[in-house]
Protein backbone atom coordinates (compact mmCIF):
# COMPACT_ATOMS: atom_id res chain seq x y z
CA MET A 1 33.76 96.30 52.47
CA ASP A 2 35.04 93.28 50.55
CA PHE A 3 36.47 90.70 52.92
CA GLN A 4 38.51 89.28 50.03
CA ASP A 5 41.05 91.96 50.93
CA PHE A 6 41.82 89.87 54.02
CA GLY A 7 40.74 86.31 53.25
CA ILE A 8 37.73 84.17 52.39
CA VAL A 9 34.23 83.88 53.84
CA LEU A 10 32.57 80.48 54.17
CA ASN A 11 28.77 80.27 54.52
CA GLU A 12 28.66 83.86 53.31
CA ALA A 13 24.89 83.83 52.67
CA SER A 14 24.22 83.73 56.41
CA LEU A 15 26.83 86.31 57.38
CA GLU A 16 24.56 89.36 57.03
CA ALA A 17 21.87 87.75 59.19
CA TYR A 18 24.45 86.89 61.84
CA ALA A 19 25.73 90.47 61.84
CA ALA A 20 22.28 91.66 62.94
CA ARG A 21 21.88 89.15 65.76
CA PRO A 22 22.00 90.46 69.34
CA THR A 23 24.28 87.64 70.53
CA LYS A 24 27.48 86.39 68.92
CA THR A 25 30.09 83.83 69.83
CA PHE A 26 33.44 84.42 68.15
CA ILE A 27 35.52 81.24 68.08
CA MET A 28 39.14 82.04 67.20
CA SER A 29 41.48 79.31 66.04
CA GLY A 30 44.32 78.36 63.73
CA SER A 31 47.67 76.65 63.93
CA SER A 32 49.56 77.16 67.16
CA ARG A 33 52.28 79.75 66.44
CA GLY A 34 50.10 80.64 63.48
CA GLY A 35 49.00 84.17 64.34
CA THR A 36 46.00 83.50 66.57
CA SER A 37 47.38 86.05 69.03
CA LEU A 38 46.54 88.72 66.47
CA LEU A 39 42.88 87.80 66.88
CA GLY A 40 43.14 87.45 70.65
CA TYR A 41 44.73 90.87 71.05
CA THR A 42 42.24 92.49 68.67
CA MET A 43 39.25 91.10 70.54
CA HIS A 44 40.83 91.86 73.91
CA MET A 45 40.99 95.51 72.87
CA SER A 46 37.30 95.53 71.89
CA ASN A 47 33.97 95.19 73.65
CA VAL A 48 34.00 91.41 73.09
CA HIS A 49 33.97 89.57 76.44
CA LEU A 50 36.84 87.06 76.71
CA GLY A 51 36.66 86.35 80.43
CA ASP A 52 39.84 85.53 82.36
CA VAL A 53 42.65 85.23 79.83
CA ARG A 54 46.40 84.72 80.01
CA PRO A 55 48.52 87.85 79.51
CA ASN A 56 49.94 88.33 76.01
CA THR A 57 48.28 85.23 74.49
CA HIS A 58 44.71 86.25 75.45
CA GLU A 59 43.76 82.58 75.75
CA PRO A 60 41.48 81.25 78.50
CA GLU A 61 43.41 80.77 81.75
CA CYS A 62 42.08 77.22 81.93
CA LEU A 63 43.77 76.38 78.61
CA ALA A 64 47.10 76.22 80.46
CA ASP A 65 45.88 73.07 82.22
CA LYS A 66 47.33 70.05 80.41
CA ALA A 67 44.14 68.17 81.27
CA PHE A 68 42.06 70.72 79.36
CA THR A 69 39.51 68.93 77.17
CA MET A 70 36.84 69.83 74.65
CA PRO A 71 34.01 69.50 77.22
CA ARG A 72 35.81 72.06 79.35
CA ALA A 73 36.16 74.34 76.32
CA LEU A 74 32.40 74.19 75.75
CA GLU A 75 31.80 74.80 79.46
CA HIS A 76 34.09 77.85 79.29
CA VAL A 77 32.13 79.35 76.39
CA ARG A 78 28.77 78.63 78.04
CA LYS A 79 29.94 80.51 81.14
CA LEU A 80 31.02 83.49 79.03
CA LYS A 81 27.60 83.57 77.39
CA THR A 82 25.91 83.95 80.77
CA GLU A 83 28.00 87.09 81.32
CA SER A 84 27.68 88.96 78.02
CA PRO A 85 25.81 88.77 74.69
CA LEU A 86 29.04 89.29 72.75
CA VAL A 87 31.75 86.78 73.64
CA GLY A 88 34.93 85.36 72.20
CA ALA A 89 37.30 82.50 72.93
CA LYS A 90 40.69 81.73 71.43
CA PHE A 91 41.55 78.06 71.05
CA PRO A 92 44.69 77.59 68.91
CA GLY A 93 45.18 74.01 67.82
CA PHE A 94 41.49 73.12 68.26
CA THR A 95 40.82 72.78 64.52
CA PRO A 96 39.46 69.21 64.69
CA HIS A 97 36.87 70.34 67.27
CA LEU A 98 35.35 73.31 65.45
CA LYS A 99 32.29 71.29 64.45
CA GLU A 100 31.57 70.68 68.14
CA PHE A 101 31.36 74.45 68.71
CA ASP A 102 29.16 74.68 65.61
CA ASP A 103 26.79 72.10 67.08
CA ALA A 104 26.79 73.53 70.60
CA PHE A 105 26.07 77.20 69.83
CA ASP A 106 23.75 78.72 67.25
CA ASP A 107 25.40 82.16 67.06
CA CYS A 108 28.99 81.28 66.13
CA ILE A 109 31.23 83.27 63.85
CA PHE A 110 34.48 81.38 63.32
CA LEU A 111 37.66 83.41 62.91
CA TYR A 112 40.37 81.13 61.53
CA VAL A 113 43.77 82.65 60.83
CA PHE A 114 46.17 81.43 58.16
CA ARG A 115 49.85 82.40 58.36
CA ASN A 116 52.71 81.74 55.96
CA PRO A 117 54.04 78.29 57.00
CA LEU A 118 57.62 79.49 56.55
CA ASP A 119 57.04 82.19 59.15
CA ILE A 120 55.58 79.60 61.52
CA ALA A 121 58.71 77.50 61.02
CA LYS A 122 60.90 80.56 61.68
CA THR A 123 59.33 81.05 65.13
CA ILE A 124 60.45 77.50 65.97
CA MET A 125 63.86 77.79 64.28
CA LYS A 126 64.83 80.70 66.55
CA ARG A 127 65.69 78.07 69.16
CA SER A 128 67.91 76.07 66.79
CA PRO A 129 71.54 75.89 68.05
CA ASN A 130 73.06 74.37 64.88
CA HIS A 131 72.41 73.49 61.24
CA LYS A 132 70.98 70.06 62.01
CA ALA A 133 68.53 71.57 64.45
CA VAL A 134 67.66 74.26 61.91
CA MET A 135 66.72 71.61 59.34
CA ASN A 136 64.74 69.58 61.88
CA HIS A 137 62.83 72.63 63.11
CA LEU A 138 62.22 73.84 59.56
CA LYS A 139 60.60 70.53 58.64
CA PHE A 140 58.65 70.40 61.88
CA GLY A 141 57.36 73.95 61.44
CA ILE A 142 56.20 73.44 57.87
CA ASP A 143 54.57 70.10 58.72
CA HIS A 144 53.00 71.66 61.81
CA ALA A 145 51.34 74.45 59.84
CA PHE A 146 50.01 72.27 57.06
CA LYS A 147 48.65 69.73 59.54
CA PHE A 148 46.23 72.28 60.94
CA TYR A 149 45.37 73.80 57.58
CA HIS A 150 44.58 70.39 56.09
CA GLN A 151 42.47 69.61 59.15
CA PHE A 152 40.49 72.79 58.58
CA ILE A 153 39.88 72.05 54.89
CA GLU A 154 38.58 68.60 55.87
CA ILE A 155 36.18 69.93 58.50
CA ALA A 156 35.09 73.14 56.74
CA PRO A 157 32.26 71.54 54.68
CA GLU A 158 30.64 70.40 57.95
CA LEU A 159 30.43 73.90 59.44
CA THR A 160 26.96 75.42 59.14
CA GLN A 161 27.76 78.89 60.46
CA PRO A 162 29.89 81.72 59.03
CA ALA A 163 33.65 81.28 59.01
CA LEU A 164 36.13 84.04 58.18
CA LEU A 165 39.44 82.64 56.92
CA ILE A 166 41.85 85.45 57.72
CA SER A 167 45.24 86.08 56.16
CA TYR A 168 47.56 87.04 59.01
CA GLU A 169 49.79 89.01 56.66
CA SER A 170 46.93 90.91 55.01
CA ALA A 171 45.26 91.83 58.29
CA ARG A 172 48.52 93.27 59.63
CA ALA A 173 49.28 95.07 56.37
CA ARG A 174 45.87 96.80 56.33
CA PRO A 175 44.83 96.82 59.98
CA ARG A 176 42.41 99.73 59.92
CA PRO A 177 40.14 98.34 57.17
CA PHE A 178 40.34 94.94 58.87
CA LEU A 179 39.09 96.37 62.16
CA ARG A 180 36.39 98.31 60.32
CA PHE A 181 35.21 95.04 58.81
CA LEU A 182 34.90 93.49 62.27
CA GLU A 183 32.80 96.45 63.38
CA GLN A 184 30.01 95.20 61.12
CA PHE A 185 29.47 92.40 63.65
CA GLY A 186 29.11 94.57 66.73
CA VAL A 187 32.82 94.62 67.57
CA GLU A 188 33.65 98.07 68.94
CA PHE A 189 37.01 99.68 69.70
CA GLU A 190 37.48 102.55 72.11
CA ASP A 191 40.52 103.65 70.09
CA LEU A 192 40.53 101.92 66.71
CA ASP A 193 43.56 103.83 65.44
CA PHE A 194 45.60 102.76 68.46
CA VAL A 195 44.71 99.08 67.97
CA ALA A 196 45.41 99.30 64.23
CA LYS A 197 48.83 100.81 64.92
CA GLN A 198 49.70 98.09 67.43
CA ILE A 199 48.77 95.07 65.30
CA SER A 200 50.69 96.44 62.32
CA ARG A 201 54.05 96.27 64.09
CA PRO A 202 56.13 93.73 66.04
CA GLY A 203 55.54 93.43 69.76
CA TYR A 204 51.81 94.11 69.72
CA LYS A 205 51.14 91.28 72.20
CA THR A 206 53.11 93.07 74.91
CA ALA A 207 52.23 96.64 73.93
CA GLU A 208 51.12 99.10 76.56
CA THR A 209 47.44 99.57 75.93
CA PRO A 210 44.74 101.95 77.08
CA GLU A 211 42.10 100.58 79.41
CA LYS A 212 39.83 98.09 77.66
CA PRO A 213 36.29 99.36 77.06
CA ALA A 214 33.63 98.04 79.41
CA GLY A 215 31.47 95.34 77.89
């Protein structure tokens, strides 16, 4: 299946070899409010081990701590890897630190989601009480999105392991083929059709879901 239906692959030459490896570390990131919950929910509904995560966001519980630092993020992933050969961690807003994951683990597959900056701004503008606030939040949202995307473009040449740059809109528009693509890397879904249906519609983060497969 051609991943160009959903985005772009970096370090594509090594992707096939990584698919065959018995261990994998999926590092999920992107702009905050940028669609990373799509990845978190998808992996939560698979056999990928995420550890203790926050409801709805599927981020590590420890990420809620304002003192959370990159060393703690690495420690979190190391702990996951002692528990399962197939692990994932969602760190929105950690774009500048992706190279540190690349250096620390030799079985990374980066999943980096890109979302329309206007839609990111709209999630912030929902709180705007008046026109002035609308304009301020619109500017903030657009600047916010491009800040992370520019950070990624700057750091991308330094990454040595595969990175999948995922279009949020394309993955939701064609969820079943997207999930089938992930299956090439050992990601398994107890009910793929159910997960595909959920991520294609609003409210998937709070959807009632069948019991997650053991893994």
